[in-house]
Structures are given as structure tokens and as C-alpha cells.
């Protein structure tokens, strides 16, 4: 039993040391996009039904409620940052034309992420 624990601890130490070395050597490429841009691209790819490059409120509300989305919403509620889909859309639609662009969405997600990390 003692040997098993020692082997496991050595294995975990190796994993931690390896991941630390990998992080130290990794340099982020210049073309890597922000969290908001990545999420925006994903949402537009999946939700832009008419493929016009803009989302209407109905298209935006059709986002799939995955486990990750539900978990993020619970976290936002705890932080006091939760907005309903309608409130999110209104905050993103700065020109009030009833549609949001990928840039609007990316900016909103980046701002929300910055607030969450405070």
C-alpha cells in the first residue's frame, strides 16, 4: 500500500513538472484570438441561420443550453453579472439595428470575461 502511494505521488510530480516546463516554453502566436473572438466565431458558426454575418435576437436566443453554458450562468449569477439573453443582446446592439456582428459579440464577451476575473 505504501509503495502504491509513493508511485502515485511520483507520477503526479512528473505530470506537474512536465506541464510546468511545457507552459514555460510555450509562446503565444501573434495570430491567436481572444476568448471573446473565439467564442464569437463559434456562436456565429452555429447560430447564424441565414448566414448573413449578423445575428438577430431570435438567432441569438437559440443558443444551445449546454452544461458549460448553464455552469457559466450560475457563476455569473453568483458574481451579480448575469444578464438574460435579451439584456445581453441589447447591450451588444450598440447601433440599435436589431442585429449584432461578430465584433459586437466578441467585445461583449471580452468585457464580461474581464469583469469576471476581477
Protein backbone atom coordinates (compact mmCIF):
# COMPACT_ATOMS: atom_id res chain seq x y z
CA UNK A 1 0.00 0.00 0.00
CA UNK A 2 2.79 2.44 0.86
CA UNK A 3 4.59 1.69 -2.39
CA UNK A 4 1.43 2.42 -4.36
CA UNK A 5 1.09 5.86 -2.75
CA UNK A 6 4.74 6.67 -3.44
CA UNK A 7 4.44 5.65 -7.07
CA UNK A 8 1.29 7.70 -7.49
CA UNK A 9 2.90 10.76 -5.90
CA UNK A 10 5.98 10.39 -8.11
CA UNK A 11 3.73 10.12 -11.14
CA UNK A 12 1.81 13.26 -10.19
CA UNK A 13 5.07 15.11 -9.59
CA UNK A 14 6.25 14.12 -13.06
CA UNK A 15 2.99 15.29 -14.62
CA UNK A 16 3.15 18.63 -12.81
CA UNK A 17 6.81 19.17 -13.68
CA UNK A 18 6.18 18.31 -17.33
CA UNK A 19 3.21 20.64 -17.63
CA UNK A 20 5.17 23.46 -15.98
CA UNK A 21 8.01 23.02 -18.46
CA UNK A 22 5.58 22.98 -21.37
CA UNK A 23 3.99 26.22 -20.18
CA UNK A 24 7.36 27.89 -19.74
CA UNK A 25 8.45 27.06 -23.31
CA UNK A 26 5.14 27.92 -24.99
CA UNK A 27 4.94 31.31 -26.68
CA UNK A 28 1.52 32.51 -27.75
CA UNK A 29 1.49 33.13 -31.53
CA UNK A 30 0.58 36.62 -32.69
CA UNK A 31 -2.47 35.39 -34.62
CA UNK A 32 -4.14 33.83 -31.54
CA UNK A 33 -7.50 35.38 -30.91
CA UNK A 34 -9.01 36.50 -27.60
CA UNK A 35 -11.56 34.42 -25.70
CA UNK A 36 -14.34 36.69 -26.93
CA UNK A 37 -13.31 36.34 -30.56
CA UNK A 38 -13.10 32.54 -30.32
CA UNK A 39 -16.49 32.30 -28.62
CA UNK A 40 -18.00 34.79 -31.07
CA UNK A 41 -16.75 32.77 -34.05
CA UNK A 42 -18.19 29.60 -32.53
CA UNK A 43 -21.58 31.20 -31.83
CA UNK A 44 -21.82 32.71 -35.31
CA UNK A 45 -20.82 29.45 -36.98
CA UNK A 46 -23.57 27.58 -35.10
CA UNK A 47 -26.30 30.19 -34.71
CA UNK A 48 -26.29 32.39 -37.83
CA UNK A 49 -29.14 30.53 -39.55
CA UNK A 50 -29.34 32.72 -42.66
CA UNK A 51 -25.52 33.08 -42.86
CA UNK A 52 -25.70 36.85 -43.34
CA UNK A 53 -22.88 37.53 -40.87
CA UNK A 54 -25.21 39.05 -38.26
CA UNK A 55 -27.36 37.61 -35.50
CA UNK A 56 -30.91 38.63 -34.79
CA UNK A 57 -32.35 38.32 -31.29
CA UNK A 58 -34.12 35.10 -32.24
CA UNK A 59 -30.92 33.55 -33.62
CA UNK A 60 -29.02 34.64 -30.50
CA UNK A 61 -31.65 33.17 -28.17
CA UNK A 62 -31.43 29.80 -29.96
CA UNK A 63 -28.07 29.03 -28.34
CA UNK A 64 -27.98 25.51 -27.01
CA UNK A 65 -28.14 25.33 -23.22
CA UNK A 66 -25.13 23.07 -22.73
CA UNK A 67 -23.72 22.12 -19.37
CA UNK A 68 -20.96 24.71 -19.84
CA UNK A 69 -23.46 27.49 -20.57
CA UNK A 70 -25.54 26.57 -17.52
CA UNK A 71 -22.44 26.45 -15.34
CA UNK A 72 -21.26 29.83 -16.63
CA UNK A 73 -24.71 31.34 -15.99
CA UNK A 74 -24.68 30.06 -12.39
CA UNK A 75 -21.25 31.62 -11.90
CA UNK A 76 -22.39 34.93 -13.40
CA UNK A 77 -25.44 34.95 -11.11
CA UNK A 78 -23.19 34.47 -8.07
CA UNK A 79 -20.99 37.37 -9.22
CA UNK A 80 -24.04 39.56 -9.93
CA UNK A 81 -23.12 39.79 -13.63
CA UNK A 82 -25.86 37.65 -15.15
CA UNK A 83 -27.93 39.17 -17.94
CA UNK A 84 -30.83 37.48 -19.71
CA UNK A 85 -30.33 36.81 -23.43
CA UNK A 86 -32.50 39.84 -24.23
CA UNK A 87 -30.41 42.08 -21.95
CA UNK A 88 -27.19 40.73 -23.44
CA UNK A 89 -28.44 41.38 -26.96
CA UNK A 90 -29.49 44.93 -26.08
CA UNK A 91 -26.06 45.62 -24.55
CA UNK A 92 -24.32 44.32 -27.69
CA UNK A 93 -26.56 46.02 -30.26
CA UNK A 94 -24.96 49.46 -29.94
CA UNK A 95 -26.41 50.85 -33.19
CA UNK A 96 -29.94 49.54 -32.38
CA UNK A 97 -30.47 47.95 -35.79
CA UNK A 98 -31.73 44.68 -34.30
CA UNK A 99 -28.63 42.71 -35.31
CA UNK A 100 -25.22 42.09 -33.79
CA UNK A 101 -21.93 41.50 -35.61
CA UNK A 102 -19.18 39.09 -34.61
CA UNK A 103 -17.15 42.09 -33.42
CA UNK A 104 -20.00 43.27 -31.14
CA UNK A 105 -20.28 39.80 -29.66
CA UNK A 106 -16.51 39.40 -29.18
CA UNK A 107 -16.27 42.79 -27.47
CA UNK A 108 -19.12 41.89 -25.11
CA UNK A 109 -17.61 38.51 -24.20
CA UNK A 110 -14.18 40.07 -23.57
CA UNK A 111 -15.70 42.76 -21.33
CA UNK A 112 -17.73 40.16 -19.44
CA UNK A 113 -14.67 37.96 -19.02
CA UNK A 114 -12.65 40.90 -17.66
CA UNK A 115 -15.41 41.64 -15.11
CA UNK A 116 -15.49 38.00 -14.03
CA UNK A 117 -11.74 37.95 -13.37
CA UNK A 118 -11.81 40.95 -11.01
